Structures are given as structure tokens and as C-alpha cells.
């Protein structure tokens, strides 16, 4: 089954911007760097983030524009992004693995670790709060179900 969603928010801003559409599949074979869709544990919002690794039945994800990781239960996973449709209607295959995606995700992973560590120090934490640099999660909404 395939379905589309429209991006709302800024947490994936380096890669997915507000207004872009993502085509998802309900496959569950996630690998490092995949874009995944999951239900928030706090409310019923759908969130699109990048998958990094798994510990048991918990998945570790983060937005490209975030400085922290999130833990997602396996039950909350909805699907895997396979095609990105930009606002100018150009389409990109985001489900395919390649060297550039792997390098980008490794770099992003290191940046999130550095950002997480810097937030633990008081001086950086005050800077984040003062400048309101903590971004919201990228929320998505269902547009329609579709078939390829």
C-alpha cells in the first residue's frame, strides 16, 4: 500500500521543506538514513524523521534540523519514504541507497551528537533558549491513498 503526505514544519529543513510531498510505502525494512513516518506518542500527529538505528523494539530517529534523538516504539511506525515530490513537482527517489546518502547521514549523525552534547552545557543551553533555536517536529498529514 502506498500513501502520500504533505510536509509541515522545520525539523527536516535541510532535506525536506514545508510544502513538499512524500510518497510512503508500508514496508518495515528500515536501514540507516531512511526517511520514516511514525505516530507521535504524545498525540496522534504523524511525524517524518530520519532513521538511524534500532535497539530491540525501539527505533532511534531524528530530524535533519534537530540536535536531539527521539525514541520511537515499533508499534508507532507507519511507513518508509520512497519518493520526494518537491513543490515544483520534481520527483526524487529517496528510498534508494547510494554513497552520497550514506555520507550525508553519517555527517548528520555526528552533527546531532555534537548538538546534543552542546545542549548539555549551561552556556549553550541558554543560547538555544534565548534564540529559540529548538525546532518543532516535522508534522505531516495524509493527503490520499494512491497506487503506482
N, C-alpha and C. Protein backbone atom coordinates (compact mmCIF):
# COMPACT_ATOMS: atom_id res chain seq x y z
N UNK A 1 0.84 -1.17 0.00
CA UNK A 1 0.00 0.00 0.00
C UNK A 1 0.89 1.24 0.00
N UNK A 2 0.50 2.23 -0.77
CA UNK A 2 1.22 3.48 -0.86
C UNK A 2 0.32 4.62 -0.41
N UNK A 3 0.91 5.66 0.17
CA UNK A 3 0.15 6.85 0.52
C UNK A 3 1.07 8.06 0.49
N UNK A 4 0.47 9.23 0.32
CA UNK A 4 1.21 10.48 0.24
C UNK A 4 0.92 11.35 1.45
N UNK A 5 1.89 12.20 1.79
CA UNK A 5 1.69 13.17 2.86
C UNK A 5 2.36 14.48 2.46
N UNK A 6 1.92 15.54 3.07
CA UNK A 6 2.49 16.86 2.81
C UNK A 6 3.23 17.32 4.06
N UNK A 7 4.44 17.84 3.87
CA UNK A 7 5.28 18.24 5.00
C UNK A 7 4.84 19.58 5.57
N UNK A 8 4.82 19.63 6.90
CA UNK A 8 4.51 20.86 7.64
C UNK A 8 5.53 20.95 8.77
N UNK A 9 6.28 22.03 8.87
CA UNK A 9 7.24 22.19 9.95
C UNK A 9 8.66 22.36 9.44
N UNK A 10 9.63 22.35 10.38
CA UNK A 10 11.00 22.69 10.04
C UNK A 10 12.04 21.66 10.47
N UNK A 11 11.65 20.56 11.07
CA UNK A 11 12.66 19.66 11.63
C UNK A 11 13.48 18.92 10.58
N UNK A 12 12.98 18.80 9.36
CA UNK A 12 13.73 18.15 8.28
C UNK A 12 14.19 19.18 7.25
N UNK A 13 14.35 20.42 7.68
CA UNK A 13 14.56 21.55 6.78
C UNK A 13 15.77 21.45 5.85
N UNK A 14 16.78 20.73 6.20
CA UNK A 14 17.92 20.62 5.30
C UNK A 14 17.59 19.77 4.07
N UNK A 15 16.61 18.90 4.18
CA UNK A 15 16.30 17.97 3.10
C UNK A 15 14.87 18.10 2.60
N UNK A 16 13.93 18.16 3.52
CA UNK A 16 12.51 18.28 3.17
C UNK A 16 12.01 19.62 3.71
N UNK A 17 11.42 20.42 2.83
CA UNK A 17 10.93 21.73 3.26
C UNK A 17 9.41 21.71 3.29
N UNK A 18 8.85 22.69 3.96
CA UNK A 18 7.40 22.75 4.10
C UNK A 18 6.74 22.85 2.72
N UNK A 19 5.73 22.03 2.52
CA UNK A 19 5.02 22.00 1.25
C UNK A 19 5.42 20.84 0.36
N UNK A 20 6.58 20.23 0.61
CA UNK A 20 6.97 19.04 -0.16
C UNK A 20 6.05 17.88 0.16
N UNK A 21 5.87 17.00 -0.80
CA UNK A 21 5.08 15.80 -0.58
C UNK A 21 6.01 14.59 -0.58
N UNK A 22 5.67 13.60 0.22
CA UNK A 22 6.45 12.38 0.30
C UNK A 22 5.53 11.20 0.04
N UNK A 23 5.97 10.30 -0.81
CA UNK A 23 5.24 9.08 -1.08
C UNK A 23 5.83 7.99 -0.19
N UNK A 24 4.97 7.33 0.58
CA UNK A 24 5.40 6.31 1.53
C UNK A 24 4.88 4.94 1.13
N UNK A 25 5.59 3.94 1.59
CA UNK A 25 5.12 2.57 1.50
C UNK A 25 5.05 2.02 2.92
N UNK A 26 4.28 0.98 3.12
CA UNK A 26 4.14 0.43 4.47
C UNK A 26 5.19 -0.64 4.77
N UNK A 27 6.27 -0.69 4.01
CA UNK A 27 7.34 -1.65 4.27
C UNK A 27 8.03 -1.34 5.59
N UNK A 28 8.55 -2.37 6.22
CA UNK A 28 9.18 -2.17 7.53
C UNK A 28 10.66 -2.55 7.54
N UNK A 29 11.28 -2.66 6.38
CA UNK A 29 12.70 -2.99 6.34
C UNK A 29 13.52 -1.70 6.28
N UNK A 30 13.69 -1.06 7.44
CA UNK A 30 14.37 0.22 7.52
C UNK A 30 15.88 0.01 7.57
N UNK A 31 16.60 0.93 6.93
CA UNK A 31 18.05 0.91 7.00
C UNK A 31 18.55 2.32 7.33
N UNK A 32 19.80 2.42 7.71
CA UNK A 32 20.42 3.67 8.13
C UNK A 32 20.15 4.78 7.12
N UNK A 33 19.55 5.88 7.57
CA UNK A 33 19.32 7.03 6.71
C UNK A 33 17.97 7.10 6.04
N UNK A 34 17.13 6.09 6.22
CA UNK A 34 15.79 6.11 5.61
C UNK A 34 14.92 7.18 6.25
N UNK A 35 14.02 7.74 5.45
CA UNK A 35 13.00 8.66 5.96
C UNK A 35 11.82 7.81 6.38
N UNK A 36 11.41 7.93 7.65
CA UNK A 36 10.30 7.12 8.13
C UNK A 36 9.18 8.02 8.68
N UNK A 37 8.00 7.47 8.68
CA UNK A 37 6.82 8.15 9.19
C UNK A 37 6.32 7.38 10.41
N UNK A 38 6.05 8.09 11.50
CA UNK A 38 5.57 7.44 12.71
C UNK A 38 4.56 8.31 13.43
N UNK A 39 3.76 7.67 14.28
CA UNK A 39 2.78 8.39 15.09
C UNK A 39 3.46 8.87 16.36
N UNK A 40 3.16 10.09 16.74
CA UNK A 40 3.70 10.65 17.97
C UNK A 40 3.10 9.93 19.17
N UNK A 41 3.91 9.69 20.19
CA UNK A 41 3.39 9.02 21.39
C UNK A 41 2.57 9.99 22.25
N UNK A 42 2.76 11.30 22.06
CA UNK A 42 2.04 12.30 22.84
C UNK A 42 0.65 12.59 22.29
N UNK A 43 0.53 12.58 20.96
CA UNK A 43 -0.76 12.84 20.32
C UNK A 43 -0.81 12.01 19.04
N UNK A 44 -1.81 12.22 18.24
CA UNK A 44 -1.97 11.41 17.03
C UNK A 44 -1.32 12.02 15.80
N UNK A 45 -0.43 12.99 15.98
CA UNK A 45 0.26 13.59 14.84
C UNK A 45 1.19 12.59 14.18
N UNK A 46 1.32 12.70 12.87
CA UNK A 46 2.29 11.90 12.13
C UNK A 46 3.55 12.72 11.96
N UNK A 47 4.69 12.09 12.21
CA UNK A 47 5.98 12.79 12.17
C UNK A 47 6.90 12.08 11.20
N UNK A 48 7.61 12.86 10.42
CA UNK A 48 8.55 12.35 9.42
C UNK A 48 9.96 12.70 9.89
N UNK A 49 10.79 11.68 10.15
CA UNK A 49 12.18 11.88 10.56
C UNK A 49 13.07 10.84 9.91
N UNK A 50 14.36 11.00 10.13
CA UNK A 50 15.34 10.08 9.55
C UNK A 50 15.68 8.98 10.56
N UNK A 51 15.72 7.75 10.07
CA UNK A 51 16.03 6.58 10.91
C UNK A 51 17.54 6.40 10.99
N UNK A 52 18.04 6.12 12.21
CA UNK A 52 19.47 5.90 12.40
C UNK A 52 19.79 4.47 12.82
N UNK A 53 19.18 4.00 13.90
CA UNK A 53 19.44 2.63 14.32
C UNK A 53 18.32 2.14 15.22
N UNK A 54 18.39 0.85 15.57
CA UNK A 54 17.35 0.22 16.38
C UNK A 54 17.99 -0.45 17.59
N UNK A 55 17.29 -0.38 18.72
CA UNK A 55 17.68 -1.09 19.93
C UNK A 55 16.47 -1.89 20.37
N UNK A 56 16.50 -3.19 20.14
CA UNK A 56 15.36 -4.03 20.47
C UNK A 56 14.16 -3.63 19.64
N UNK A 57 13.06 -3.29 20.30
CA UNK A 57 11.86 -2.87 19.57
C UNK A 57 11.72 -1.34 19.54
N UNK A 58 12.80 -0.63 19.84
CA UNK A 58 12.80 0.84 19.81
C UNK A 58 13.67 1.33 18.66
N UNK A 59 13.17 2.35 17.96
CA UNK A 59 13.88 2.92 16.83
C UNK A 59 14.36 4.31 17.19
N UNK A 60 15.62 4.61 16.86
CA UNK A 60 16.21 5.90 17.16
C UNK A 60 16.15 6.74 15.88
N UNK A 61 15.47 7.89 15.97
CA UNK A 61 15.26 8.76 14.81
C UNK A 61 15.60 10.20 15.19
N UNK A 62 15.76 11.04 14.18
CA UNK A 62 15.99 12.46 14.41
C UNK A 62 15.65 13.23 13.15
N UNK A 63 15.24 14.46 13.32
CA UNK A 63 15.04 15.35 12.19
C UNK A 63 16.38 15.89 11.72
N UNK A 64 16.50 16.21 10.45
CA UNK A 64 17.76 16.73 9.91
C UNK A 64 18.12 18.07 10.55
N UNK A 65 17.16 18.80 11.03
CA UNK A 65 17.38 20.12 11.61
C UNK A 65 17.33 20.08 13.14
N UNK A 66 17.30 18.91 13.73
CA UNK A 66 17.24 18.77 15.19
C UNK A 66 18.61 18.50 15.77
N UNK A 67 18.77 18.79 17.05
CA UNK A 67 20.02 18.49 17.75
C UNK A 67 19.78 17.44 18.84
N UNK A 68 18.80 16.59 18.64
CA UNK A 68 18.50 15.54 19.60
C UNK A 68 17.88 14.35 18.89
N UNK A 69 17.97 13.20 19.53
CA UNK A 69 17.38 11.97 19.00
C UNK A 69 16.04 11.74 19.68
N UNK A 70 15.20 10.97 19.03
CA UNK A 70 13.93 10.56 19.61
C UNK A 70 13.83 9.05 19.57
N UNK A 71 13.13 8.50 20.53
CA UNK A 71 12.94 7.05 20.60
C UNK A 71 11.50 6.75 20.20
N UNK A 72 11.34 5.85 19.25
CA UNK A 72 10.02 5.51 18.73
C UNK A 72 9.78 4.01 18.92
N UNK A 73 8.63 3.67 19.47
CA UNK A 73 8.28 2.26 19.60
C UNK A 73 7.92 1.68 18.25
N UNK A 74 8.15 0.40 18.09
CA UNK A 74 7.88 -0.28 16.82
C UNK A 74 6.40 -0.17 16.45
N UNK A 75 5.52 -0.20 17.45
CA UNK A 75 4.08 -0.12 17.19
C UNK A 75 3.65 1.20 16.56
N UNK A 76 4.44 2.26 16.77
CA UNK A 76 4.09 3.59 16.26
C UNK A 76 4.55 3.84 14.83
N UNK A 77 5.34 2.94 14.26
CA UNK A 77 5.86 3.14 12.91
C UNK A 77 4.74 2.97 11.89
N UNK A 78 4.73 3.84 10.88
CA UNK A 78 3.68 3.82 9.87
C UNK A 78 4.23 3.40 8.51
N UNK A 79 5.34 3.99 8.07
CA UNK A 79 5.85 3.67 6.75
C UNK A 79 7.23 4.24 6.49
N UNK A 80 7.69 3.98 5.28
CA UNK A 80 9.03 4.37 4.84
C UNK A 80 8.90 5.25 3.59
N UNK A 81 9.59 6.40 3.58
CA UNK A 81 9.54 7.29 2.43
C UNK A 81 10.30 6.72 1.25
N UNK A 82 9.68 6.79 0.06
CA UNK A 82 10.36 6.27 -1.12
C UNK A 82 10.54 7.32 -2.22
N UNK A 83 9.63 8.29 -2.31
CA UNK A 83 9.75 9.33 -3.33
C UNK A 83 9.42 10.69 -2.72
N UNK A 84 10.29 11.67 -2.98
CA UNK A 84 10.08 13.04 -2.54
C UNK A 84 9.60 13.85 -3.74
N UNK A 85 8.49 14.56 -3.57
CA UNK A 85 7.93 15.40 -4.64
C UNK A 85 8.04 16.85 -4.16
N UNK A 86 8.93 17.59 -4.79
CA UNK A 86 9.14 18.99 -4.41
C UNK A 86 7.93 19.84 -4.82
N UNK A 87 7.90 21.06 -4.30
CA UNK A 87 6.79 21.96 -4.62
C UNK A 87 6.76 22.32 -6.10
N UNK A 88 7.90 22.23 -6.78
CA UNK A 88 7.93 22.48 -8.23
C UNK A 88 7.64 21.20 -9.02
N UNK A 89 7.17 20.16 -8.35
CA UNK A 89 6.72 18.87 -8.91
C UNK A 89 7.85 17.97 -9.39
N UNK A 90 9.12 18.30 -9.13
CA UNK A 90 10.22 17.39 -9.46
C UNK A 90 10.19 16.24 -8.47
N UNK A 91 10.52 15.05 -8.94
CA UNK A 91 10.47 13.86 -8.09
C UNK A 91 11.87 13.31 -7.87
N UNK A 92 12.13 12.84 -6.64
CA UNK A 92 13.43 12.29 -6.29
C UNK A 92 13.23 10.96 -5.57
N UNK A 93 14.03 9.99 -5.94
CA UNK A 93 13.97 8.67 -5.31
C UNK A 93 14.75 8.72 -4.01
N UNK A 94 14.06 8.73 -2.87
CA UNK A 94 14.74 8.80 -1.58
C UNK A 94 14.85 7.44 -0.92
N UNK A 95 14.28 6.42 -1.53
CA UNK A 95 14.36 5.07 -0.98
C UNK A 95 15.59 4.32 -1.42
N UNK A 96 16.29 4.83 -2.42
CA UNK A 96 17.46 4.16 -2.98
C UNK A 96 18.70 4.50 -2.17
N UNK A 97 19.53 3.50 -1.92
CA UNK A 97 20.78 3.74 -1.21
C UNK A 97 21.86 4.14 -2.20
N UNK A 98 22.69 5.10 -1.79
CA UNK A 98 23.87 5.44 -2.56
C UNK A 98 24.93 6.03 -1.63
N UNK A 99 26.12 6.26 -2.16
CA UNK A 99 27.23 6.74 -1.33
C UNK A 99 26.97 8.13 -0.77
N UNK A 100 26.33 9.01 -1.55
CA UNK A 100 26.08 10.36 -1.08
C UNK A 100 25.12 10.37 0.10
N UNK A 101 24.08 9.55 0.02
CA UNK A 101 23.11 9.48 1.12
C UNK A 101 23.78 8.96 2.38
N UNK A 102 24.62 7.93 2.23
CA UNK A 102 25.32 7.37 3.38
C UNK A 102 26.25 8.40 4.02
N UNK A 103 27.01 9.12 3.20
CA UNK A 103 27.92 10.15 3.73
C UNK A 103 27.13 11.27 4.39
N UNK A 104 26.04 11.69 3.78
CA UNK A 104 25.20 12.74 4.34
C UNK A 104 24.66 12.32 5.70
N UNK A 105 24.18 11.08 5.81
CA UNK A 105 23.59 10.60 7.06
C UNK A 105 24.65 10.44 8.15
N UNK A 106 25.83 10.01 7.78
CA UNK A 106 26.92 9.91 8.78
C UNK A 106 27.29 11.30 9.29
N UNK A 107 27.39 12.25 8.38
CA UNK A 107 27.69 13.62 8.78
C UNK A 107 26.58 14.17 9.68
N UNK A 108 25.33 13.95 9.30
CA UNK A 108 24.19 14.41 10.08
C UNK A 108 24.18 13.78 11.47
N UNK A 109 24.49 12.48 11.54
CA UNK A 109 24.54 11.76 12.81
C UNK A 109 25.55 12.42 13.74
N UNK A 110 26.73 12.75 13.22
CA UNK A 110 27.78 13.41 14.02
C UNK A 110 27.32 14.79 14.48
N UNK A 111 26.65 15.53 13.61
CA UNK A 111 26.16 16.86 13.98
C UNK A 111 25.13 16.79 15.11
N UNK A 112 24.26 15.80 15.05
CA UNK A 112 23.25 15.65 16.10
C UNK A 112 23.91 15.31 17.43
N UNK A 113 24.91 14.44 17.39
CA UNK A 113 25.65 14.10 18.63
C UNK A 113 26.31 15.35 19.20
N UNK A 114 26.98 16.13 18.36
CA UNK A 114 27.64 17.36 18.82
C UNK A 114 26.60 18.34 19.36
N UNK A 115 25.48 18.48 18.67
CA UNK A 115 24.42 19.36 19.13
C UNK A 115 23.83 18.92 20.46
N UNK A 116 23.68 17.60 20.62
CA UNK A 116 23.15 17.07 21.87
C UNK A 116 24.10 17.35 23.02
N UNK A 117 25.39 17.15 22.79
CA UNK A 117 26.39 17.40 23.83
C UNK A 117 26.44 18.88 24.17
N UNK A 118 26.39 19.74 23.15
CA UNK A 118 26.47 21.19 23.41
C UNK A 118 25.26 21.69 24.19
N UNK A 119 24.10 21.06 24.03
CA UNK A 119 22.92 21.48 24.78
C UNK A 119 23.03 21.13 26.25
N UNK A 120 23.90 20.19 26.60
CA UNK A 120 24.05 19.79 27.99
C UNK A 120 24.84 20.82 28.79
N UNK A 121 25.64 21.64 28.11
CA UNK A 121 26.40 22.67 28.80
C UNK A 121 25.52 23.90 28.98
N UNK A 122 25.61 24.53 30.13
CA UNK A 122 24.72 25.63 30.50
C UNK A 122 24.80 26.80 29.52
N UNK A 123 26.01 27.16 29.11
CA UNK A 123 26.16 28.33 28.24
C UNK A 123 25.46 28.10 26.90
N UNK A 124 25.56 26.90 26.35
CA UNK A 124 24.90 26.61 25.08
C UNK A 124 23.39 26.52 25.26
N UNK A 125 22.97 25.93 26.38
CA UNK A 125 21.55 25.78 26.65
C UNK A 125 20.86 27.14 26.72
N UNK A 126 21.50 28.11 27.37
CA UNK A 126 20.95 29.46 27.44
C UNK A 126 20.86 30.08 26.04
N UNK A 127 21.87 29.82 25.22
CA UNK A 127 21.86 30.34 23.84
C UNK A 127 20.68 29.78 23.06
N UNK A 128 20.42 28.48 23.18
CA UNK A 128 19.30 27.86 22.48
C UNK A 128 17.97 28.45 22.94
N UNK A 129 17.82 28.61 24.27
CA UNK A 129 16.56 29.14 24.79
C UNK A 129 16.36 30.60 24.39
N UNK A 130 17.43 31.38 24.43
CA UNK A 130 17.34 32.80 24.11
C UNK A 130 16.96 33.01 22.65
N UNK A 131 17.57 32.27 21.76
CA UNK A 131 17.35 32.45 20.33
C UNK A 131 16.28 31.54 19.76
N UNK A 132 15.65 30.76 20.64
CA UNK A 132 14.55 29.88 20.23
C UNK A 132 14.93 29.01 19.03
N UNK A 133 16.08 28.34 19.15
CA UNK A 133 16.57 27.53 18.04
C UNK A 133 16.04 26.11 18.06
N UNK A 134 15.31 25.75 19.11
CA UNK A 134 14.76 24.40 19.14
C UNK A 134 13.57 24.34 18.21
N UNK A 135 13.64 23.49 17.22
CA UNK A 135 12.62 23.42 16.17
C UNK A 135 11.50 22.46 16.55
N UNK A 136 10.36 22.66 15.95
CA UNK A 136 9.25 21.73 16.12
C UNK A 136 9.48 20.51 15.25
N UNK A 137 8.79 19.44 15.57
CA UNK A 137 8.86 18.24 14.75
C UNK A 137 8.18 18.51 13.41
N UNK A 138 8.67 17.85 12.38
CA UNK A 138 8.04 17.97 11.07
C UNK A 138 6.79 17.11 11.08
N UNK A 139 5.64 17.74 11.07
CA UNK A 139 4.39 17.01 11.10
C UNK A 139 3.88 16.85 9.67
N UNK A 140 3.23 15.78 9.43
CA UNK A 140 2.67 15.54 8.11
C UNK A 140 1.21 15.16 8.26
N UNK A 141 0.46 15.33 7.19
CA UNK A 141 -0.94 14.92 7.22
C UNK A 141 -1.20 14.07 5.99
N UNK A 142 -2.12 13.16 6.11
CA UNK A 142 -2.47 12.31 4.98
C UNK A 142 -3.11 13.16 3.88
N UNK A 143 -2.69 12.93 2.68
CA UNK A 143 -3.35 13.60 1.56
C UNK A 143 -4.30 12.61 0.90
N UNK A 144 -3.77 11.50 0.44
CA UNK A 144 -4.63 10.48 -0.14
C UNK A 144 -3.86 9.18 -0.28
N UNK A 145 -4.62 8.12 -0.44
CA UNK A 145 -4.03 6.83 -0.74
C UNK A 145 -3.89 6.74 -2.25
N UNK A 146 -2.83 6.12 -2.71
CA UNK A 146 -2.64 6.05 -4.15
C UNK A 146 -1.97 4.73 -4.52
N UNK A 147 -1.97 4.44 -5.78
CA UNK A 147 -1.32 3.23 -6.26
C UNK A 147 -0.35 3.60 -7.36
N UNK A 148 0.71 2.83 -7.48
CA UNK A 148 1.71 3.12 -8.54
C UNK A 148 1.41 2.30 -9.76
